[in-house]
Amino acid sequence: MKSLSVASAFGGALLSLAASSGAWAADLGPYQSYTPPQPEVRYEAPLIWQGAYVGINGGFAWSDSNPTNAEGGFGGAQVGYNWQRGRLVFGIEGDFQGGDIGGRLGVDPEASLHSEINWFSTVRGRLGIATGPWLVYGTGGVAFADIDTRVRFDDGDSWKDSGTQVGYAVGGGIEWAFAQNWSAKAEYLFVGLGEDDFGVNNDLHTIRAGLNYKF
């Protein structure tokens, strides 16, 4: 009898435990499989300025230190490469310009001084900050120019100094990426070429607009 009482008590305890477990499981709701959390996705701005590009440009040049007051238009092409790290954009660009930049000074009634810049070229570094499709940058490097300077006399005689001068170029600009591979820019450059053998200072101010295609 004692064994039967123990067994009955043990069985009752098991039934009570099972009932309690069932009620607890019912409170938890239906079983759901474990789904690991998804990794956080961070948005990164597209590197719209990264890569190689080529383009064309045209503009106007003038000198405020040359006694012949040289001025005139020019046009040419450029090629370059940009690297982009976040909003920071840096790169290198080279350009070549042909033009009609010249001036004249009457030395005396029998002679006149003429200066002509036939072409000029620059190789420059660029460093800028991008804001969406806009890039504001500074630039600087080396400049080359083919310059002719002549003293002409009324009797038809003339003295000529002709050659390539080397100097520097510094400036800045703004560029707008208006399509996936296209951008337009406006730029100012000061081209410091110094004096030639006749003492004529050929420093230039230049403004130009350009169009670039990025690969």
C-alpha atoms as a PDB file:
ATOM      1  CA  MET A   1       0.000   0.000   0.000  1.00  0.00           C
ATOM      2  CA  LYS A   2       2.842   2.309   0.811  1.00  0.00           C
ATOM      3  CA  SER A   3       4.445   1.691  -2.609  1.00  0.00           C
ATOM      4  CA  LEU A   4       1.138   2.414  -4.357  1.00  0.00           C
ATOM      5  CA  SER A   5       0.771   5.719  -2.499  1.00  0.00           C
ATOM      6  CA  VAL A   6       4.299   6.776  -3.500  1.00  0.00           C
ATOM      7  CA  ALA A   7       3.681   5.888  -7.129  1.00  0.00           C
ATOM      8  CA  SER A   8       0.394   7.789  -7.153  1.00  0.00           C
ATOM      9  CA  ALA A   9       2.045  10.839  -5.653  1.00  0.00           C
ATOM     10  CA  PHE A  10       4.908  10.687  -8.197  1.00  0.00           C
ATOM     11  CA  GLY A  11       2.444  10.330 -11.063  1.00  0.00           C
ATOM     12  CA  GLY A  12       0.429  13.288  -9.834  1.00  0.00           C
ATOM     13  CA  ALA A  13       3.549  15.406  -9.685  1.00  0.00           C
ATOM     14  CA  LEU A  14       4.443  14.510 -13.297  1.00  0.00           C
ATOM     15  CA  LEU A  15       0.932  15.380 -14.463  1.00  0.00           C
ATOM     16  CA  SER A  16       1.092  18.745 -12.673  1.00  0.00           C
ATOM     17  CA  LEU A  17       4.514  19.491 -14.224  1.00  0.00           C
ATOM     18  CA  ALA A  18       3.262  18.580 -17.707  1.00  0.00           C
ATOM     19  CA  ALA A  19       0.198  20.795 -17.308  1.00  0.00           C
ATOM     20  CA  SER A  20       2.329  23.710 -16.107  1.00  0.00           C
ATOM     21  CA  SER A  21       4.769  23.283 -19.043  1.00  0.00           C
ATOM     22  CA  GLY A  22       1.906  23.232 -21.500  1.00  0.00           C
ATOM     23  CA  ALA A  23       0.425  26.427 -20.082  1.00  0.00           C
ATOM     24  CA  TRP A  24       3.879  28.125 -20.177  1.00  0.00           C
ATOM     25  CA  ALA A  25       4.427  27.045 -23.797  1.00  0.00           C
ATOM     26  CA  ALA A  26       0.955  28.327 -24.714  1.00  0.00           C
ATOM     27  CA  ASP A  27       1.876  31.708 -23.244  1.00  0.00           C
ATOM     28  CA  LEU A  28       4.992  31.853 -25.505  1.00  0.00           C
ATOM     29  CA  GLY A  29       2.877  31.402 -28.641  1.00  0.00           C
ATOM     30  CA  PRO A  30       3.652  29.244 -31.676  1.00  0.00           C
ATOM     31  CA  TYR A  31       7.236  28.135 -32.370  1.00  0.00           C
ATOM     32  CA  GLN A  32       9.280  30.411 -34.629  1.00  0.00           C
ATOM     33  CA  SER A  33      12.595  29.494 -36.217  1.00  0.00           C
ATOM     34  CA  TYR A  34      15.660  31.671 -35.394  1.00  0.00           C
ATOM     35  CA  THR A  35      16.552  34.276 -37.998  1.00  0.00           C
ATOM     36  CA  PRO A  36      19.973  35.888 -37.597  1.00  0.00           C
ATOM     37  CA  PRO A  37      20.024  39.725 -37.835  1.00  0.00           C
ATOM     38  CA  GLN A  38      20.943  41.192 -41.227  1.00  0.00           C
ATOM     39  CA  PRO A  39      24.206  43.160 -41.460  1.00  0.00           C
ATOM     40  CA  GLU A  40      23.831  46.927 -41.536  1.00  0.00           C
ATOM     41  CA  VAL A  41      24.049  48.324 -45.077  1.00  0.00           C
ATOM     42  CA  ARG A  42      26.009  51.552 -45.311  1.00  0.00           C
ATOM     43  CA  TYR A  43      25.400  53.923 -48.214  1.00  0.00           C
ATOM     44  CA  GLU A  44      28.500  55.114 -50.009  1.00  0.00           C
ATOM     45  CA  ALA A  45      28.389  57.983 -52.465  1.00  0.00           C
ATOM     46  CA  PRO A  46      29.332  56.920 -56.015  1.00  0.00           C
ATOM     47  CA  LEU A  47      32.851  57.847 -57.088  1.00  0.00           C
ATOM     48  CA  ILE A  48      31.643  60.002 -59.960  1.00  0.00           C
ATOM     49  CA  TRP A  49      35.023  61.745 -60.438  1.00  0.00           C
ATOM     50  CA  GLN A  50      37.267  58.658 -60.355  1.00  0.00           C
ATOM     51  CA  GLY A  51      38.915  57.733 -63.655  1.00  0.00           C
ATOM     52  CA  ALA A  52      40.548  58.993 -66.838  1.00  0.00           C
ATOM     53  CA  TYR A  53      39.063  61.744 -68.993  1.00  0.00           C
ATOM     54  CA  VAL A  54      39.654  63.731 -72.185  1.00  0.00           C
ATOM     55  CA  GLY A  55      38.128  67.002 -73.281  1.00  0.00           C
ATOM     56  CA  ILE A  56      38.196  70.220 -75.241  1.00  0.00           C
ATOM     57  CA  ASN A  57      38.295  73.854 -74.133  1.00  0.00           C
ATOM     58  CA  GLY A  58      38.430  77.417 -75.345  1.00  0.00           C
ATOM     59  CA  GLY A  59      38.967  80.803 -73.785  1.00  0.00           C
ATOM     60  CA  PHE A  60      40.599  84.215 -73.719  1.00  0.00           C
ATOM     61  CA  ALA A  61      44.028  85.375 -72.519  1.00  0.00           C
ATOM     62  CA  TRP A  62      45.452  88.788 -71.692  1.00  0.00           C
ATOM     63  CA  SER A  63      48.550  90.329 -70.145  1.00  0.00           C
ATOM     64  CA  ASP A  64      48.598  93.278 -67.748  1.00  0.00           C
ATOM     65  CA  SER A  65      52.375  93.373 -67.418  1.00  0.00           C
ATOM     66  CA  ASN A  66      53.463  93.068 -71.054  1.00  0.00           C
ATOM     67  CA  PRO A  67      54.253  96.444 -72.684  1.00  0.00           C
ATOM     68  CA  THR A  68      52.691  95.184 -75.913  1.00  0.00           C
ATOM     69  CA  ASN A  69      49.408  94.417 -74.067  1.00  0.00           C
ATOM     70  CA  ALA A  70      49.082  91.006 -75.697  1.00  0.00           C
ATOM     71  CA  GLU A  71      45.611  89.473 -75.743  1.00  0.00           C
ATOM     72  CA  GLY A  72      43.544  87.064 -77.798  1.00  0.00           C
ATOM     73  CA  GLY A  73      41.585  83.844 -77.959  1.00  0.00           C
ATOM     74  CA  PHE A  74      42.782  80.259 -77.773  1.00  0.00           C
ATOM     75  CA  GLY A  75      41.445  76.714 -77.953  1.00  0.00           C
ATOM     76  CA  GLY A  76      42.727  73.225 -77.336  1.00  0.00           C
ATOM     77  CA  ALA A  77      42.339  69.919 -75.548  1.00  0.00           C
ATOM     78  CA  GLN A  78      43.105  68.324 -72.198  1.00  0.00           C
ATOM     79  CA  VAL A  79      43.621  64.834 -70.787  1.00  0.00           C
ATOM     80  CA  GLY A  80      43.810  63.766 -67.163  1.00  0.00           C
ATOM     81  CA  TYR A  81      43.077  61.302 -64.395  1.00  0.00           C
ATOM     82  CA  ASN A  82      41.263  61.762 -61.075  1.00  0.00           C
ATOM     83  CA  TRP A  83      41.348  59.757 -57.859  1.00  0.00           C
ATOM     84  CA  GLN A  84      38.497  60.149 -55.377  1.00  0.00           C
ATOM     85  CA  ARG A  85      38.522  59.349 -51.655  1.00  0.00           C
ATOM     86  CA  GLY A  86      35.171  60.326 -50.193  1.00  0.00           C
ATOM     87  CA  ARG A  87      34.709  63.993 -51.007  1.00  0.00           C
ATOM     88  CA  LEU A  88      38.432  64.542 -51.684  1.00  0.00           C
ATOM     89  CA  VAL A  89      39.393  64.503 -55.375  1.00  0.00           C
ATOM     90  CA  PHE A  90      42.987  64.734 -56.599  1.00  0.00           C
ATOM     91  CA  GLY A  91      44.576  64.133 -59.970  1.00  0.00           C
ATOM     92  CA  ILE A  92      46.802  65.289 -62.798  1.00  0.00           C
ATOM     93  CA  GLU A  93      45.965  67.094 -66.032  1.00  0.00           C
ATOM     94  CA  GLY A  94      47.837  68.139 -69.144  1.00  0.00           C
ATOM     95  CA  ASP A  95      46.605  70.489 -71.865  1.00  0.00           C
ATOM     96  CA  PHE A  96      47.720  72.045 -75.136  1.00  0.00           C
ATOM     97  CA  GLN A  97      46.389  75.338 -76.519  1.00  0.00           C
ATOM     98  CA  GLY A  98      46.823  76.988 -79.868  1.00  0.00           C
ATOM     99  CA  GLY A  99      45.775  80.576 -80.259  1.00  0.00           C
ATOM    100  CA  ASP A 100      46.037  84.073 -81.593  1.00  0.00           C
ATOM    101  CA  ILE A 101      47.497  85.960 -78.635  1.00  0.00           C
ATOM    102  CA  GLY A 102      49.537  89.004 -79.498  1.00  0.00           C
ATOM    103  CA  GLY A 103      50.117  92.711 -79.138  1.00  0.00           C
ATOM    104  CA  ARG A 104      52.033  95.688 -80.493  1.00  0.00           C
ATOM    105  CA  LEU A 105      53.842  98.676 -79.045  1.00  0.00           C
ATOM    106  CA  GLY A 106      55.172 101.644 -81.012  1.00  0.00           C
ATOM    107  CA  VAL A 107      58.766 102.104 -79.848  1.00  0.00           C
ATOM    108  CA  ASP A 108      59.378 105.267 -81.870  1.00  0.00           C
ATOM    109  CA  PRO A 109      58.146 106.671 -85.192  1.00  0.00           C
ATOM    110  CA  GLU A 110      60.454 104.327 -87.091  1.00  0.00           C
ATOM    111  CA  ALA A 111      60.104 101.075 -85.150  1.00  0.00           C
ATOM    112  CA  SER A 112      57.505  98.926 -83.385  1.00  0.00           C
ATOM    113  CA  LEU A 113      57.603  95.970 -81.002  1.00  0.00           C
ATOM    114  CA  HIS A 114      55.405  92.928 -81.663  1.00  0.00           C
ATOM    115  CA  SER A 115      54.870  89.870 -79.445  1.00  0.00           C
ATOM    116  CA  GLU A 116      52.968  86.693 -80.295  1.00  0.00           C
ATOM    117  CA  ILE A 117      52.219  83.566 -78.258  1.00  0.00           C
ATOM    118  CA  ASN A 118      51.638  80.828 -80.829  1.00  0.00           C
ATOM    119  CA  TRP A 119      50.815  78.057 -78.366  1.00  0.00           C
ATOM    120  CA  PHE A 120      51.074  77.211 -74.688  1.00  0.00           C
ATOM    121  CA  SER A 121      50.772  74.034 -72.661  1.00  0.00           C
ATOM    122  CA  THR A 122      50.549  73.098 -68.975  1.00  0.00           C
ATOM    123  CA  VAL A 123      50.993  69.977 -66.851  1.00  0.00           C
ATOM    124  CA  ARG A 124      49.301  70.449 -63.481  1.00  0.00           C
ATOM    125  CA  GLY A 125      48.153  68.704 -60.350  1.00  0.00           C
ATOM    126  CA  ARG A 126      44.545  69.202 -59.191  1.00  0.00           C
ATOM    127  CA  LEU A 127      43.078  69.033 -55.690  1.00  0.00           C
ATOM    128  CA  GLY A 128      39.416  69.616 -54.940  1.00  0.00           C
ATOM    129  CA  ILE A 129      36.338  68.954 -52.836  1.00  0.00           C
ATOM    130  CA  ALA A 130      33.274  67.281 -54.352  1.00  0.00           C
ATOM    131  CA  THR A 131      29.725  68.130 -53.312  1.00  0.00           C
ATOM    132  CA  GLY A 132      27.317  65.905 -55.219  1.00  0.00           C
ATOM    133  CA  PRO A 133      27.832  66.598 -58.926  1.00  0.00           C
ATOM    134  CA  TRP A 134      29.975  69.701 -58.240  1.00  0.00           C
ATOM    135  CA  LEU A 135      33.751  69.863 -57.869  1.00  0.00           C
ATOM    136  CA  VAL A 136      35.633  72.957 -56.672  1.00  0.00           C
ATOM    137  CA  TYR A 137      39.404  72.664 -57.150  1.00  0.00           C
ATOM    138  CA  GLY A 138      42.747  74.373 -57.142  1.00  0.00           C
ATOM    139  CA  THR A 139      45.492  73.566 -59.616  1.00  0.00           C
ATOM    140  CA  GLY A 140      49.168  74.266 -60.233  1.00  0.00           C
ATOM    141  CA  GLY A 141      52.136  73.036 -62.228  1.00  0.00           C
ATOM    142  CA  VAL A 142      54.564  73.776 -65.045  1.00  0.00           C
ATOM    143  CA  ALA A 143      53.840  75.781 -68.213  1.00  0.00           C
ATOM    144  CA  PHE A 144      55.432  75.978 -71.667  1.00  0.00           C
ATOM    145  CA  ALA A 145      54.858  78.512 -74.460  1.00  0.00           C
ATOM    146  CA  ASP A 146      56.164  79.228 -77.944  1.00  0.00           C
ATOM    147  CA  ILE A 147      56.734  82.978 -78.166  1.00  0.00           C
ATOM    148  CA  ASP A 148      57.885  85.267 -80.981  1.00  0.00           C
ATOM    149  CA  THR A 149      59.049  88.816 -80.246  1.00  0.00           C
ATOM    150  CA  ARG A 150      60.033  91.148 -83.102  1.00  0.00           C
ATOM    151  CA  VAL A 151      61.270  94.694 -83.455  1.00  0.00           C
ATOM    152  CA  ARG A 152      60.239  95.920 -86.896  1.00  0.00           C
ATOM    153  CA  PHE A 153      61.652  99.007 -88.589  1.00  0.00           C
ATOM    154  CA  ASP A 154      60.032 101.091 -91.281  1.00  0.00           C
ATOM    155  CA  ASP A 155      62.843 100.275 -93.689  1.00  0.00           C
ATOM    156  CA  GLY A 156      61.772  96.595 -93.579  1.00  0.00           C
ATOM    157  CA  ASP A 157      64.547  95.383 -91.292  1.00  0.00           C
ATOM    158  CA  SER A 158      63.617  93.457 -88.124  1.00  0.00           C
ATOM    159  CA  TRP A 159      65.098  91.797 -85.057  1.00  0.00           C
ATOM    160  CA  LYS A 160      63.507  88.605 -83.811  1.00  0.00           C
ATOM    161  CA  ASP A 161      63.624  86.514 -80.653  1.00  0.00           C
ATOM    162  CA  SER A 162      61.776  83.206 -80.951  1.00  0.00           C
ATOM    163  CA  GLY A 163      61.697  80.141 -78.740  1.00  0.00           C
ATOM    164  CA  THR A 164      59.951  78.116 -76.058  1.00  0.00           C
ATOM    165  CA  GLN A 165      59.753  79.625 -72.586  1.00  0.00           C
ATOM    166  CA  VAL A 166      59.163  77.570 -69.438  1.00  0.00           C
ATOM    167  CA  GLY A 167      57.261  78.888 -66.447  1.00  0.00           C
ATOM    168  CA  TYR A 168      54.469  77.935 -64.100  1.00  0.00           C
ATOM    169  CA  ALA A 169      50.660  77.893 -63.976  1.00  0.00           C
ATOM    170  CA  VAL A 170      48.381  78.295 -60.937  1.00  0.00           C
ATOM    171  CA  GLY A 171      44.643  78.771 -60.639  1.00  0.00           C
ATOM    172  CA  GLY A 172      41.367  77.096 -59.872  1.00  0.00           C
ATOM    173  CA  GLY A 173      37.949  76.279 -61.195  1.00  0.00           C
ATOM    174  CA  ILE A 174      34.607  74.597 -60.806  1.00  0.00           C
ATOM    175  CA  GLU A 175      33.356  71.496 -62.622  1.00  0.00           C
ATOM    176  CA  TRP A 176      29.812  70.109 -62.970  1.00  0.00           C
ATOM    177  CA  ALA A 177      29.062  66.441 -63.739  1.00  0.00           C
ATOM    178  CA  PHE A 178      25.795  66.924 -65.636  1.00  0.00           C
ATOM    179  CA  ALA A 179      25.614  63.328 -66.954  1.00  0.00           C
ATOM    180  CA  GLN A 180      27.106  59.931 -66.109  1.00  0.00           C
ATOM    181  CA  ASN A 181      30.248  60.416 -68.209  1.00  0.00           C
ATOM    182  CA  TRP A 182      30.143  64.124 -69.033  1.00  0.00           C
ATOM    183  CA  SER A 183      31.195  67.236 -67.149  1.00  0.00           C
ATOM    184  CA  ALA A 184      31.587  70.940 -67.924  1.00  0.00           C
ATOM    185  CA  LYS A 185      34.086  73.261 -66.290  1.00  0.00           C
ATOM    186  CA  ALA A 186      35.080  76.910 -65.968  1.00  0.00           C
ATOM    187  CA  GLU A 187      38.683  77.698 -65.015  1.00  0.00           C
ATOM    188  CA  TYR A 188      41.086  80.566 -64.366  1.00  0.00           C
ATOM    189  CA  LEU A 189      44.851  80.140 -64.769  1.00  0.00           C
ATOM    190  CA  PHE A 190      47.708  82.546 -64.281  1.00  0.00           C
ATOM    191  CA  VAL A 191      50.546  81.500 -66.588  1.00  0.00           C
ATOM    192  CA  GLY A 192      53.879  82.948 -65.435  1.00  0.00           C
ATOM    193  CA  LEU A 193      56.326  82.914 -68.335  1.00  0.00           C
ATOM    194  CA  GLY A 194      58.690  85.709 -67.334  1.00  0.00           C
ATOM    195  CA  GLU A 195      60.688  87.928 -69.685  1.00  0.00           C
ATOM    196  CA  ASP A 196      62.210  87.067 -73.048  1.00  0.00           C
ATOM    197  CA  ASP A 197      65.573  88.253 -74.356  1.00  0.00           C
ATOM    198  CA  PHE A 198      64.033  91.605 -75.395  1.00  0.00           C
ATOM    199  CA  GLY A 199      62.788  92.235 -71.857  1.00  0.00           C
ATOM    200  CA  VAL A 200      59.145  91.672 -72.750  1.00  0.00           C
ATOM    201  CA  ASN A 201      57.154  90.090 -69.920  1.00  0.00           C
ATOM    202  CA  ASN A 202      54.860  87.377 -71.272  1.00  0.00           C
ATOM    203  CA  ASP A 203      52.855  86.524 -68.127  1.00  0.00           C
ATOM    204  CA  LEU A 204      49.217  85.738 -68.962  1.00  0.00           C
ATOM    205  CA  HIS A 205      45.821  85.649 -67.309  1.00  0.00           C
ATOM    206  CA  THR A 206      43.542  83.060 -68.893  1.00  0.00           C
ATOM    207  CA  ILE A 207      39.892  82.151 -68.496  1.00  0.00           C
ATOM    208  CA  ARG A 208      38.344  79.188 -70.263  1.00  0.00           C
ATOM    209  CA  ALA A 209      35.404  76.843 -70.425  1.00  0.00           C
ATOM    210  CA  GLY A 210      35.725  73.147 -71.182  1.00  0.00           C
ATOM    211  CA  LEU A 211      33.880  69.897 -71.733  1.00  0.00           C
ATOM    212  CA  ASN A 212      35.197  66.526 -70.463  1.00  0.00           C
ATOM    213  CA  TYR A 213      34.286  62.912 -71.175  1.00  0.00           C
ATOM    214  CA  LYS A 214      35.208  60.419 -68.415  1.00  0.00           C
ATOM    215  CA  PHE A 215      35.926  56.764 -69.221  1.00  0.00           C
END
